[in-house]
N, C-alpha and C. Protein backbone atom coordinates (compact mmCIF):
# COMPACT_ATOMS: atom_id res chain seq x y z
N MET A 1 -8.17 -17.65 -14.54
CA MET A 1 -7.45 -17.10 -13.45
C MET A 1 -8.42 -17.11 -12.20
N THR A 2 -7.69 -17.79 -10.81
CA THR A 2 -8.32 -16.94 -9.77
C THR A 2 -8.52 -15.95 -9.20
N THR A 3 -9.56 -15.52 -9.27
CA THR A 3 -9.75 -14.34 -7.99
C THR A 3 -9.58 -14.12 -6.61
N TYR A 4 -8.67 -13.19 -6.10
CA TYR A 4 -8.43 -12.62 -4.69
C TYR A 4 -9.83 -12.84 -4.09
N GLU A 5 -10.95 -12.34 -4.58
CA GLU A 5 -12.34 -12.78 -3.78
C GLU A 5 -12.83 -14.74 -3.69
N GLN A 6 -12.30 -14.74 -4.47
CA GLN A 6 -12.84 -16.52 -4.96
C GLN A 6 -11.68 -16.87 -3.76
N GLN A 7 -10.75 -16.86 -3.84
CA GLN A 7 -9.05 -17.43 -2.93
C GLN A 7 -9.83 -17.05 -1.16
N LEU A 8 -10.59 -16.11 -1.07
CA LEU A 8 -10.91 -15.50 0.46
C LEU A 8 -12.43 -16.61 0.73
N ASN A 9 -12.98 -16.69 -0.40
CA ASN A 9 -14.20 -17.08 -0.21
C ASN A 9 -13.77 -18.62 0.01
N ALA A 10 -13.11 -19.47 -0.60
CA ALA A 10 -12.66 -20.89 -0.71
C ALA A 10 -12.36 -21.26 0.74
N ASP A 11 -11.21 -20.65 1.20
CA ASP A 11 -10.37 -20.88 2.51
C ASP A 11 -10.62 -19.77 3.68
N ARG A 12 -11.42 -20.59 4.66
CA ARG A 12 -11.66 -19.30 5.20
C ARG A 12 -10.09 -19.00 6.40
N ARG A 13 -9.35 -19.96 6.64
CA ARG A 13 -8.23 -20.43 7.28
C ARG A 13 -7.20 -19.39 6.10
N TRP A 14 -6.94 -19.61 5.02
CA TRP A 14 -6.30 -18.30 4.51
C TRP A 14 -7.02 -16.94 4.59
N ALA A 15 -8.12 -16.65 4.35
CA ALA A 15 -8.67 -15.76 4.45
C ALA A 15 -8.57 -14.72 5.82
N LEU A 16 -8.20 -15.19 7.36
CA LEU A 16 -7.96 -14.70 8.17
C LEU A 16 -6.43 -14.64 8.46
N GLN A 17 -6.04 -15.29 7.47
CA GLN A 17 -4.73 -15.16 7.56
C GLN A 17 -4.39 -13.78 6.87
N GLU A 18 -4.87 -13.36 5.76
CA GLU A 18 -5.26 -12.24 4.64
C GLU A 18 -5.29 -11.40 5.73
N GLY A 19 -5.95 -11.44 6.12
CA GLY A 19 -6.89 -10.00 7.31
C GLY A 19 -5.87 -10.03 8.12
N SER A 20 -5.28 -10.61 8.78
CA SER A 20 -4.07 -10.43 9.66
C SER A 20 -2.61 -9.88 8.90
N MET A 21 -2.33 -10.08 7.90
CA MET A 21 -1.49 -9.68 7.21
C MET A 21 -1.98 -8.36 6.56
N HIS A 22 -3.25 -8.15 6.03
CA HIS A 22 -3.37 -6.61 5.76
C HIS A 22 -2.99 -5.56 6.82
N PHE A 23 -3.50 -5.56 7.90
CA PHE A 23 -2.69 -4.82 9.02
C PHE A 23 -1.43 -4.75 9.21
N GLU A 24 -0.76 -5.92 8.70
CA GLU A 24 0.85 -5.49 8.96
C GLU A 24 1.30 -4.93 7.57
N LYS A 25 0.30 -4.73 6.40
CA LYS A 25 0.74 -4.21 5.03
C LYS A 25 1.39 -4.97 4.49
N THR A 26 1.10 -6.13 4.39
CA THR A 26 1.71 -7.82 3.79
C THR A 26 1.25 -8.48 2.58
N SER A 27 -0.34 -8.41 2.93
CA SER A 27 -1.69 -8.74 2.26
C SER A 27 -1.07 -8.72 0.60
N ALA A 28 -1.85 -9.59 0.10
CA ALA A 28 -1.93 -9.28 -1.25
C ALA A 28 -2.67 -8.28 -1.95
N VAL A 29 -3.44 -7.48 -1.60
CA VAL A 29 -4.16 -6.00 -1.72
C VAL A 29 -3.04 -4.89 -1.65
N HIS A 30 -1.68 -5.35 -0.24
CA HIS A 30 -0.95 -4.05 -0.63
C HIS A 30 0.43 -4.44 -1.45
N LYS A 31 0.52 -5.79 -1.50
CA LYS A 31 1.56 -5.78 -2.46
C LYS A 31 0.84 -5.38 -3.84
N SER A 32 -0.45 -5.57 -4.34
CA SER A 32 -0.94 -5.21 -5.49
C SER A 32 -1.02 -3.60 -5.60
N LEU A 33 -1.23 -2.83 -4.49
CA LEU A 33 -1.04 -1.20 -4.28
C LEU A 33 -0.02 -0.86 -4.77
N ASN A 34 1.27 -1.61 -3.92
CA ASN A 34 2.73 -0.95 -4.49
C ASN A 34 2.90 -1.59 -5.98
N LYS A 35 2.56 -2.42 -6.23
CA LYS A 35 2.75 -2.89 -7.36
C LYS A 35 2.56 -1.33 -8.85
N ILE A 36 1.06 -1.60 -8.79
CA ILE A 36 0.27 -0.65 -9.41
C ILE A 36 0.94 0.73 -9.41
N THR A 37 0.82 1.09 -8.32
CA THR A 37 1.47 2.54 -8.16
C THR A 37 2.65 2.72 -8.51
N ARG A 38 3.90 1.69 -8.57
CA ARG A 38 5.10 2.03 -9.14
C ARG A 38 5.03 1.90 -10.92
N ARG A 39 3.87 0.86 -11.05
CA ARG A 39 4.20 0.89 -12.49
C ARG A 39 3.35 2.73 -13.35
N LEU A 40 2.55 3.05 -12.38
CA LEU A 40 1.94 4.17 -12.64
C LEU A 40 2.71 5.51 -12.76
N ALA A 41 3.74 5.61 -11.64
CA ALA A 41 4.43 6.16 -11.52
C ALA A 41 5.95 6.44 -12.61
N GLU A 42 5.92 4.71 -13.25
CA GLU A 42 7.15 4.97 -14.33
C GLU A 42 6.52 5.45 -14.85
N LEU A 43 5.62 5.06 -15.78
CA LEU A 43 4.60 5.89 -16.83
C LEU A 43 4.35 7.24 -16.93
N GLY A 44 4.32 8.12 -15.58
CA GLY A 44 4.02 9.25 -15.84
C GLY A 44 2.83 9.69 -15.21
N ILE A 45 2.06 8.63 -15.10
CA ILE A 45 0.94 8.25 -14.74
C ILE A 45 0.20 9.66 -13.44
N PRO A 46 -0.14 10.33 -13.24
CA PRO A 46 -1.09 11.07 -12.34
C PRO A 46 -2.16 10.06 -11.84
N TYR A 47 -1.62 9.75 -10.50
CA TYR A 47 -3.22 8.86 -9.75
C TYR A 47 -2.88 9.04 -8.53
N ALA A 48 -4.24 8.62 -7.91
CA ALA A 48 -4.53 9.26 -6.22
C ALA A 48 -5.42 7.57 -5.82
N VAL A 49 -4.95 7.62 -4.68
CA VAL A 49 -5.74 6.16 -4.15
C VAL A 49 -6.67 6.58 -3.44
N VAL A 50 -8.08 5.98 -3.98
CA VAL A 50 -8.90 6.46 -2.76
C VAL A 50 -9.97 5.23 -2.33
N GLY A 51 -10.71 5.22 -1.74
CA GLY A 51 -11.96 3.82 -1.12
C GLY A 51 -10.92 3.23 -0.39
N GLY A 52 -11.08 2.30 0.08
CA GLY A 52 -10.93 0.83 1.19
C GLY A 52 -9.27 1.52 1.65
N MET A 53 -8.21 1.60 0.69
CA MET A 53 -7.02 1.58 1.18
C MET A 53 -6.74 3.23 1.20
N ALA A 54 -7.48 4.10 0.85
CA ALA A 54 -7.14 5.40 1.03
C ALA A 54 -7.87 5.90 2.27
N LEU A 55 -8.54 5.01 2.82
CA LEU A 55 -8.94 5.17 4.20
C LEU A 55 -8.47 4.37 4.90
N PHE A 56 -7.45 3.37 4.81
CA PHE A 56 -6.29 2.88 5.35
C PHE A 56 -5.12 3.47 5.71
N MET A 57 -4.85 4.26 4.48
CA MET A 57 -3.56 5.06 4.77
C MET A 57 -4.00 6.63 5.14
N HIS A 58 -5.09 6.64 5.72
CA HIS A 58 -5.46 7.94 6.58
C HIS A 58 -5.39 7.37 7.85
N GLY A 59 -5.72 6.28 8.24
CA GLY A 59 -5.53 5.65 9.29
C GLY A 59 -6.70 5.37 10.02
N PHE A 60 -8.03 5.03 9.09
CA PHE A 60 -9.08 3.61 9.12
C PHE A 60 -8.34 2.79 8.97
N ARG A 61 -8.05 2.02 9.89
CA ARG A 61 -7.61 0.24 9.37
C ARG A 61 -8.71 -0.43 9.37
N ARG A 62 -9.09 -0.82 8.26
CA ARG A 62 -9.88 -1.61 7.98
C ARG A 62 -9.54 -2.86 6.85
N PHE A 63 -10.04 -3.92 6.50
CA PHE A 63 -9.68 -4.89 5.83
C PHE A 63 -10.25 -4.63 4.19
N THR A 64 -9.74 -4.64 2.95
CA THR A 64 -10.30 -4.05 2.08
C THR A 64 -10.03 -5.11 0.48
N GLU A 65 -10.52 -5.55 -0.11
CA GLU A 65 -10.34 -6.92 -0.96
C GLU A 65 -9.24 -5.86 -2.65
N ASP A 66 -9.68 -5.20 -2.57
CA ASP A 66 -9.55 -4.42 -3.90
C ASP A 66 -9.02 -3.26 -3.19
N VAL A 67 -8.09 -2.33 -4.88
CA VAL A 67 -7.70 -1.42 -4.83
C VAL A 67 -8.49 -0.29 -5.91
N ASP A 68 -8.49 1.22 -5.40
CA ASP A 68 -9.13 1.80 -6.18
C ASP A 68 -8.48 2.72 -6.55
N LEU A 69 -8.30 3.54 -7.71
CA LEU A 69 -7.29 4.36 -7.72
C LEU A 69 -8.27 5.50 -8.83
N LEU A 70 -7.70 7.18 -8.59
CA LEU A 70 -8.62 8.24 -9.17
C LEU A 70 -7.42 8.26 -10.30
N VAL A 71 -8.21 8.25 -11.60
CA VAL A 71 -7.30 8.97 -12.87
C VAL A 71 -7.99 9.24 -14.04
N THR A 72 -7.16 10.34 -14.38
CA THR A 72 -8.05 10.86 -15.89
C THR A 72 -8.63 9.99 -17.04
N ARG A 73 -9.69 10.14 -17.77
CA ARG A 73 -9.78 9.37 -19.17
C ARG A 73 -8.52 9.19 -19.98
N GLU A 74 -7.99 10.03 -19.83
CA GLU A 74 -6.94 9.94 -20.99
C GLU A 74 -5.93 8.60 -20.48
N SER A 75 -5.60 8.94 -18.95
CA SER A 75 -4.85 8.29 -18.08
C SER A 75 -5.28 6.85 -18.45
N LEU A 76 -6.55 6.53 -18.36
CA LEU A 76 -7.17 5.23 -18.26
C LEU A 76 -6.49 4.60 -19.54
N ALA A 77 -6.76 5.27 -20.67
CA ALA A 77 -6.78 4.71 -22.24
C ALA A 77 -5.00 4.74 -21.71
N THR A 78 -4.14 5.22 -21.50
CA THR A 78 -2.37 4.82 -21.42
C THR A 78 -2.82 3.60 -20.32
N ILE A 79 -3.24 3.45 -19.71
CA ILE A 79 -3.03 2.47 -18.72
C ILE A 79 -3.31 1.23 -19.45
N HIS A 80 -4.13 0.83 -20.11
CA HIS A 80 -4.59 -0.37 -20.69
C HIS A 80 -3.78 -0.45 -21.82
N LYS A 81 -3.35 0.25 -22.23
CA LYS A 81 -2.72 0.17 -23.37
C LYS A 81 -1.14 -0.38 -23.07
N GLU A 82 -0.28 0.33 -21.99
CA GLU A 82 0.79 -0.22 -21.59
C GLU A 82 0.86 -1.09 -20.64
N LEU A 83 -0.48 -1.85 -19.96
CA LEU A 83 -0.64 -2.80 -19.06
C LEU A 83 -1.40 -4.04 -19.15
N GLU A 84 -2.22 -3.62 -19.96
CA GLU A 84 -2.90 -5.01 -20.57
C GLU A 84 -2.17 -6.29 -21.36
N GLY A 85 -1.94 -7.25 -20.71
CA GLY A 85 -1.76 -8.66 -21.00
C GLY A 85 0.16 -8.64 -20.19
N LEU A 86 0.49 -6.95 -19.69
CA LEU A 86 1.76 -7.40 -19.01
C LEU A 86 1.13 -7.23 -17.43
N GLY A 87 0.98 -8.42 -16.81
CA GLY A 87 0.41 -8.82 -15.46
C GLY A 87 -0.30 -7.92 -14.71
N TYR A 88 -1.61 -7.77 -15.90
CA TYR A 88 -2.97 -7.41 -15.94
C TYR A 88 -3.81 -7.62 -16.63
N VAL A 89 -4.92 -7.78 -15.94
CA VAL A 89 -5.94 -8.74 -17.58
C VAL A 89 -7.06 -7.85 -17.16
N PRO A 90 -8.22 -7.51 -17.76
CA PRO A 90 -9.49 -6.49 -17.77
C PRO A 90 -10.66 -8.02 -17.24
N PRO A 91 -11.16 -7.63 -16.72
CA PRO A 91 -12.32 -8.58 -16.25
C PRO A 91 -13.07 -9.63 -17.61
N PHE A 92 -13.13 -8.54 -17.98
CA PHE A 92 -14.08 -8.80 -19.09
C PHE A 92 -13.67 -7.91 -20.84
N GLN A 93 -13.93 -8.18 -21.42
CA GLN A 93 -13.72 -6.87 -23.14
C GLN A 93 -14.43 -5.79 -22.76
N GLY A 94 -13.45 -4.80 -23.01
CA GLY A 94 -14.57 -3.40 -22.45
C GLY A 94 -13.91 -3.25 -21.36
N SER A 95 -13.95 -3.67 -20.27
CA SER A 95 -14.09 -2.97 -18.82
C SER A 95 -13.06 -2.15 -18.57
N LYS A 96 -13.22 -1.28 -17.77
CA LYS A 96 -12.37 -0.33 -17.61
C LYS A 96 -11.21 -0.65 -16.23
N GLN A 97 -12.18 -1.60 -15.77
CA GLN A 97 -11.20 -2.11 -14.47
C GLN A 97 -9.86 -3.09 -14.88
N LEU A 98 -8.96 -3.45 -14.27
CA LEU A 98 -7.85 -4.15 -14.21
C LEU A 98 -7.97 -4.92 -13.35
N ARG A 99 -6.98 -6.51 -13.70
CA ARG A 99 -6.90 -7.35 -12.11
C ARG A 99 -5.63 -7.78 -12.10
N ASP A 100 -4.87 -7.67 -11.12
CA ASP A 100 -3.70 -8.32 -11.17
C ASP A 100 -3.31 -10.03 -11.44
N THR A 101 -2.81 -10.24 -12.14
CA THR A 101 -2.39 -11.55 -12.53
C THR A 101 -2.06 -12.14 -11.77
N GLU A 102 -0.64 -11.72 -10.96
CA GLU A 102 0.51 -12.26 -10.15
C GLU A 102 -1.11 -12.78 -8.54
N THR A 103 -1.30 -11.91 -8.17
CA THR A 103 -2.26 -11.60 -6.93
C THR A 103 -4.03 -12.09 -7.11
N GLY A 104 -4.40 -12.01 -8.29
CA GLY A 104 -5.88 -12.07 -8.46
C GLY A 104 -6.43 -10.63 -8.06
N VAL A 105 -5.67 -9.58 -7.50
CA VAL A 105 -6.69 -8.56 -6.54
C VAL A 105 -7.33 -7.48 -7.76
N ARG A 106 -8.63 -7.17 -7.97
CA ARG A 106 -9.02 -6.22 -8.75
C ARG A 106 -8.44 -4.62 -8.10
N ILE A 107 -8.01 -4.50 -9.43
CA ILE A 107 -7.94 -2.84 -9.33
C ILE A 107 -9.07 -2.04 -10.29
N GLU A 108 -9.39 -1.32 -8.95
CA GLU A 108 -11.08 -0.45 -10.21
C GLU A 108 -10.57 0.89 -10.14
N PHE A 109 -10.99 1.55 -11.20
CA PHE A 109 -10.28 3.13 -11.95
C PHE A 109 -11.57 3.45 -11.32
N LEU A 110 -11.51 4.91 -10.96
CA LEU A 110 -12.55 5.93 -10.81
C LEU A 110 -12.35 7.24 -11.83
N VAL A 111 -12.54 7.51 -12.42
CA VAL A 111 -12.16 8.57 -13.59
C VAL A 111 -12.74 10.26 -13.58
N THR A 112 -11.86 11.00 -13.62
CA THR A 112 -12.39 12.30 -13.16
C THR A 112 -13.44 12.96 -14.13
N GLY A 113 -14.12 13.35 -13.37
CA GLY A 113 -15.49 14.04 -13.82
C GLY A 113 -16.90 12.67 -14.30
N ASP A 114 -16.37 12.08 -13.84
CA ASP A 114 -17.50 10.87 -13.70
C ASP A 114 -18.37 11.53 -12.01
N TYR A 115 -19.21 10.87 -12.12
CA TYR A 115 -20.33 11.13 -10.50
C TYR A 115 -19.86 9.81 -9.24
N PRO A 116 -19.84 10.53 -8.16
CA PRO A 116 -19.95 9.00 -7.52
C PRO A 116 -20.84 9.00 -6.84
N GLY A 117 -20.46 6.98 -6.20
CA GLY A 117 -21.97 6.82 -6.11
C GLY A 117 -22.33 5.66 -6.96
N ASP A 118 -23.64 6.69 -7.67
CA ASP A 118 -24.47 5.77 -8.55
C ASP A 118 -24.46 6.47 -9.77
N GLY A 119 -23.57 6.77 -10.57
CA GLY A 119 -23.07 7.93 -11.09
C GLY A 119 -24.35 8.59 -11.99
N LYS A 120 -24.85 9.20 -10.74
CA LYS A 120 -26.10 10.37 -11.51
C LYS A 120 -25.41 11.61 -10.94
N PRO A 121 -25.86 12.74 -11.99
CA PRO A 121 -25.38 13.57 -11.82
C PRO A 121 -25.46 14.29 -10.24
N LYS A 122 -24.51 15.15 -10.03
CA LYS A 122 -24.68 15.79 -8.23
C LYS A 122 -23.54 17.05 -7.92
N PRO A 123 -23.10 17.51 -7.10
CA PRO A 123 -22.73 18.88 -7.70
C PRO A 123 -21.24 18.47 -7.52
N ILE A 124 -20.97 17.34 -6.49
CA ILE A 124 -19.73 17.12 -6.83
C ILE A 124 -19.49 15.66 -7.79
N THR A 125 -18.08 15.89 -8.33
CA THR A 125 -17.53 14.62 -9.39
C THR A 125 -16.25 14.28 -8.99
N PHE A 126 -15.52 13.25 -9.41
CA PHE A 126 -14.49 12.88 -9.57
C PHE A 126 -13.77 13.64 -9.96
N PRO A 127 -12.22 14.36 -9.06
CA PRO A 127 -11.75 15.74 -9.50
C PRO A 127 -10.50 14.58 -10.20
N ASN A 128 -9.47 16.18 -10.70
CA ASN A 128 -8.27 15.57 -11.52
C ASN A 128 -7.45 15.01 -10.26
N PRO A 129 -6.96 13.66 -10.15
CA PRO A 129 -6.01 13.11 -9.08
C PRO A 129 -4.50 14.20 -9.17
N ALA A 130 -4.32 14.95 -10.11
CA ALA A 130 -3.42 15.66 -9.83
C ALA A 130 -3.74 16.76 -8.64
N ASP A 131 -4.42 17.25 -8.96
CA ASP A 131 -4.88 18.55 -7.68
C ASP A 131 -4.94 17.98 -6.23
N VAL A 132 -5.18 16.71 -5.94
CA VAL A 132 -5.77 15.95 -5.07
C VAL A 132 -5.01 15.29 -4.30
N ALA A 133 -3.80 14.58 -4.90
CA ALA A 133 -2.96 13.92 -4.38
C ALA A 133 -2.00 14.72 -3.47
N ILE A 134 -1.46 13.65 -2.40
CA ILE A 134 -0.13 14.05 -1.41
C ILE A 134 0.21 12.53 -1.14
N ASP A 135 1.00 12.68 -0.77
CA ASP A 135 2.05 11.72 -0.70
C ASP A 135 2.35 11.38 0.66
N LEU A 136 2.02 9.76 0.62
CA LEU A 136 1.91 9.28 1.80
C LEU A 136 2.41 7.83 1.89
N ASP A 137 3.97 7.74 2.37
CA ASP A 137 4.69 6.79 2.40
C ASP A 137 5.32 6.54 0.74
N GLY A 138 4.91 7.37 0.45
CA GLY A 138 5.92 6.94 -1.03
C GLY A 138 4.70 6.76 -2.32
N ILE A 139 3.60 6.74 -1.59
CA ILE A 139 2.48 6.62 -2.56
C ILE A 139 1.58 7.67 -2.40
N ARG A 140 0.94 8.15 -3.41
CA ARG A 140 0.08 9.19 -3.78
C ARG A 140 -1.51 8.95 -3.46
N CYS A 141 -1.76 9.52 -2.78
CA CYS A 141 -3.53 9.35 -1.87
C CYS A 141 -4.37 10.84 -1.66
N ILE A 142 -5.75 10.37 -1.84
CA ILE A 142 -6.19 11.74 -2.03
C ILE A 142 -6.20 12.33 -0.63
N GLN A 143 -5.98 13.46 -0.34
CA GLN A 143 -6.63 14.49 0.73
C GLN A 143 -7.42 13.91 1.24
N LEU A 144 -7.96 13.80 2.89
CA LEU A 144 -9.05 13.58 3.41
C LEU A 144 -9.61 14.01 3.27
N PRO A 145 -9.74 15.90 3.20
CA PRO A 145 -10.85 16.24 3.30
C PRO A 145 -11.75 15.86 1.96
N ARG A 146 -11.09 15.83 0.61
CA ARG A 146 -11.86 15.39 -0.67
C ARG A 146 -12.12 14.28 -0.63
N LEU A 147 -11.52 13.33 0.00
CA LEU A 147 -11.79 11.47 0.08
C LEU A 147 -12.98 11.49 1.21
N ILE A 148 -13.42 12.51 1.91
CA ILE A 148 -14.57 12.99 2.74
C ILE A 148 -15.81 12.94 2.29
N GLU A 149 -15.52 14.44 1.29
CA GLU A 149 -16.23 14.94 0.03
C GLU A 149 -17.17 14.00 -0.44
N LEU A 150 -16.47 13.20 -1.48
CA LEU A 150 -16.70 11.59 -2.21
C LEU A 150 -17.08 10.74 -1.07
N LYS A 151 -17.40 10.79 -0.37
CA LYS A 151 -17.84 9.48 0.52
C LYS A 151 -19.45 10.28 0.80
N LEU A 152 -19.01 11.27 1.15
CA LEU A 152 -20.21 11.75 1.58
C LEU A 152 -21.57 11.98 0.37
N ALA A 153 -20.90 12.52 -0.98
CA ALA A 153 -21.58 12.74 -2.22
C ALA A 153 -21.91 11.20 -2.55
N SER A 154 -21.12 9.97 -2.65
CA SER A 154 -21.67 8.77 -3.15
C SER A 154 -22.58 8.28 -1.91
N GLY A 155 -22.57 8.57 -0.89
CA GLY A 155 -23.66 7.93 0.24
C GLY A 155 -25.10 8.60 0.29
N THR A 156 -25.28 9.70 -0.44
CA THR A 156 -26.98 10.06 -0.57
C THR A 156 -27.35 9.09 -2.00
N ALA A 157 -26.63 8.21 -2.53
CA ALA A 157 -27.18 7.31 -3.54
C ALA A 157 -27.63 6.09 -2.94
N PRO A 158 -28.77 5.30 -2.89
CA PRO A 158 -29.67 4.39 -2.85
C PRO A 158 -28.40 3.56 -2.80
N GLY A 159 -28.13 2.56 -1.60
CA GLY A 159 -27.66 1.41 -1.02
C GLY A 159 -25.79 1.71 -0.93
N ARG A 160 -25.77 2.91 -0.71
CA ARG A 160 -24.54 3.27 -0.72
C ARG A 160 -23.84 4.07 1.18
N LEU A 161 -25.09 3.45 1.77
CA LEU A 161 -25.28 4.11 3.41
C LEU A 161 -23.73 3.39 4.33
N LYS A 162 -23.12 2.54 3.69
CA LYS A 162 -21.51 2.13 3.94
C LYS A 162 -20.66 3.24 3.68
N ASP A 163 -20.75 4.47 2.73
CA ASP A 163 -19.64 5.27 2.40
C ASP A 163 -20.23 6.27 3.47
N LEU A 164 -21.39 6.37 4.19
CA LEU A 164 -21.63 7.51 5.40
C LEU A 164 -21.32 7.11 6.55
N GLY A 165 -21.48 5.78 6.58
CA GLY A 165 -20.65 5.08 7.97
C GLY A 165 -19.35 5.22 8.07
N ASP A 166 -18.57 5.26 7.01
CA ASP A 166 -17.28 5.32 6.47
C ASP A 166 -16.90 6.72 7.39
N VAL A 167 -17.50 7.81 6.48
CA VAL A 167 -17.28 9.23 7.61
C VAL A 167 -17.31 9.52 8.80
N GLN A 168 -18.07 8.66 9.14
CA GLN A 168 -18.55 8.75 10.73
C GLN A 168 -17.43 7.85 11.85
N THR A 169 -17.10 7.08 11.25
CA THR A 169 -15.80 6.47 11.83
C THR A 169 -14.47 6.98 11.52
N LEU A 170 -14.68 7.72 10.53
CA LEU A 170 -13.32 8.69 10.13
C LEU A 170 -13.59 9.68 11.29
N ILE A 171 -14.32 10.25 11.38
CA ILE A 171 -14.91 11.49 12.50
C ILE A 171 -14.23 10.71 14.19
N SER A 172 -14.90 9.89 14.48
CA SER A 172 -14.99 8.97 15.75
C SER A 172 -13.37 8.70 15.69
N GLN A 173 -12.87 7.96 14.72
CA GLN A 173 -11.16 7.15 15.07
C GLN A 173 -10.33 8.10 14.89
N LEU A 174 -10.52 9.27 14.32
CA LEU A 174 -8.87 10.14 13.91
C LEU A 174 -9.76 11.39 14.92
N ARG A 175 -10.62 11.51 15.33
CA ARG A 175 -11.15 13.16 16.20
C ARG A 175 -11.16 13.77 15.30
N LEU A 176 -11.46 14.18 14.26
CA LEU A 176 -11.67 15.06 13.14
C LEU A 176 -12.38 16.21 13.47
N PRO A 177 -12.04 17.23 13.51
CA PRO A 177 -12.61 18.74 13.98
C PRO A 177 -14.19 19.18 13.04
N VAL A 178 -14.66 19.93 13.61
CA VAL A 178 -16.00 20.28 12.85
C VAL A 178 -15.78 20.87 12.17
N GLU A 179 -14.25 21.73 12.14
CA GLU A 179 -14.27 22.98 11.38
C GLU A 179 -13.04 22.02 9.82
N LEU A 180 -13.74 21.51 10.02
CA LEU A 180 -13.45 20.19 8.45
C LEU A 180 -14.12 20.61 7.22
N ALA A 181 -15.57 20.58 8.25
CA ALA A 181 -16.47 21.44 7.08
C ALA A 181 -16.24 22.54 6.41
N ASP A 182 -15.79 23.37 6.70
CA ASP A 182 -15.65 24.38 5.86
C ASP A 182 -14.34 24.16 4.84
N ASP A 183 -13.65 23.33 4.88
CA ASP A 183 -13.13 23.08 3.83
C ASP A 183 -13.40 21.85 2.64
N LEU A 184 -14.80 21.40 2.87
CA LEU A 184 -15.83 20.64 2.07
C LEU A 184 -16.54 21.59 1.19
N ASP A 185 -17.33 20.51 0.08
CA ASP A 185 -18.14 21.61 -0.96
C ASP A 185 -19.26 22.34 -0.17
N PRO A 186 -19.58 22.92 -0.42
CA PRO A 186 -20.98 23.58 0.31
C PRO A 186 -22.30 22.87 0.10
N SER A 187 -22.35 21.33 -0.71
CA SER A 187 -23.58 20.51 -0.67
C SER A 187 -23.09 19.51 0.10
N VAL A 188 -22.31 19.39 0.58
CA VAL A 188 -22.24 18.27 2.06
C VAL A 188 -21.76 19.13 2.75
N ARG A 189 -20.98 20.04 3.16
CA ARG A 189 -20.92 20.63 4.67
C ARG A 189 -22.19 20.48 5.86
N GLU A 190 -23.05 20.79 5.68
CA GLU A 190 -24.20 20.21 6.65
C GLU A 190 -24.46 18.89 7.53
N LEU A 191 -23.95 18.14 6.02
CA LEU A 191 -23.91 16.45 6.21
C LEU A 191 -23.33 16.02 7.33
N TYR A 192 -21.62 16.97 6.71
CA TYR A 192 -20.87 16.21 7.41
C TYR A 192 -20.71 16.79 9.19
N ARG A 193 -21.42 17.93 9.36
CA ARG A 193 -21.75 18.77 10.59
C ARG A 193 -22.64 18.03 11.45
N ARG A 194 -23.29 17.37 11.02
CA ARG A 194 -24.78 16.64 11.88
C ARG A 194 -24.30 15.33 11.95
N PHE A 195 -23.48 14.55 11.55
CA PHE A 195 -22.39 13.58 11.35
C PHE A 195 -21.66 13.91 12.67
N TRP A 196 -20.96 14.55 12.62
CA TRP A 196 -19.57 15.31 13.67
C TRP A 196 -20.53 15.46 15.16
N ASP A 197 -21.62 15.85 14.82
CA ASP A 197 -22.62 16.39 16.17
C ASP A 197 -22.69 14.91 16.79
N GLU A 198 -23.69 13.94 16.12
CA GLU A 198 -23.93 12.80 16.14
C GLU A 198 -22.62 12.03 16.91
N VAL A 199 -21.39 11.94 16.78
CA VAL A 199 -20.06 11.27 16.89
C VAL A 199 -20.49 11.61 18.32
N GLN A 200 -20.14 13.03 18.51
CA GLN A 200 -19.78 13.71 20.31
C GLN A 200 -20.56 12.80 20.62
N ILE A 201 -22.03 12.91 20.87
CA ILE A 201 -23.08 12.21 21.68
C ILE A 201 -22.54 11.02 21.92
N SER A 202 -22.68 9.91 20.80
CA SER A 202 -21.62 8.94 20.91
C SER A 202 -20.30 8.39 21.77
N LEU A 203 -19.50 9.38 21.68
CA LEU A 203 -18.06 9.44 22.10
C LEU A 203 -18.82 9.99 23.65
N LYS A 204 -19.46 10.41 24.07
CA LYS A 204 -19.74 11.13 25.55
C LYS A 204 -20.28 10.26 26.04
N GLN A 205 -21.32 9.16 25.59
CA GLN A 205 -22.07 8.14 26.07
C GLN A 205 -20.62 7.01 26.21
N GLU A 206 -20.00 6.77 25.49
CA GLU A 206 -19.36 5.77 26.05
C GLU A 206 -17.91 5.99 27.10
N GLU A 207 -17.69 7.15 27.45
CA GLU A 207 -17.13 7.66 28.38
C GLU A 207 -17.81 7.56 30.21
N GLN A 208 -18.99 7.74 29.45
CA GLN A 208 -19.81 7.51 30.81
C GLN A 208 -19.78 6.32 31.84
């Protein structure tokens, strides 16, 4: 099966078209998101969209190549039991991830209790999706404070600076308040406030 990433790399014109369609919510990634969340709802499995698509759903419009979903470990086992071979295949034997056989889009699962970023112990772990999901246009998406919390925790790991950049962009584009820090885990509150201050300086400079 040709993967979505391979299709993007093989045909620049097609990739540009996909990028345009993504912002219109008609790309292969959006189709894969709608399909997998519908299947999980039919199976009664709690989930929360995280990662790039969660950013998109909260208003940070950017392109992404995959769908990230937060599930419990028990739900992950059920997902593989019910969906493998029925429109989804694992990239390799024993992988916790799946790939949509129609679109080639990768479906990545993040598991409750695991640590974000490099997987090493941190004050913050992936929560239970049932506790942190809200409905956005009929799809269960992680609450914005919890998404920011995970991004900040992940960004402290080596090679994860992009997650910190995502938080800075969220603050800037959505004009998030500094008081949002009070709703975050204590371990990342000061980091959020520092980024908030830096963004305000940047916004003032742009206005001059």
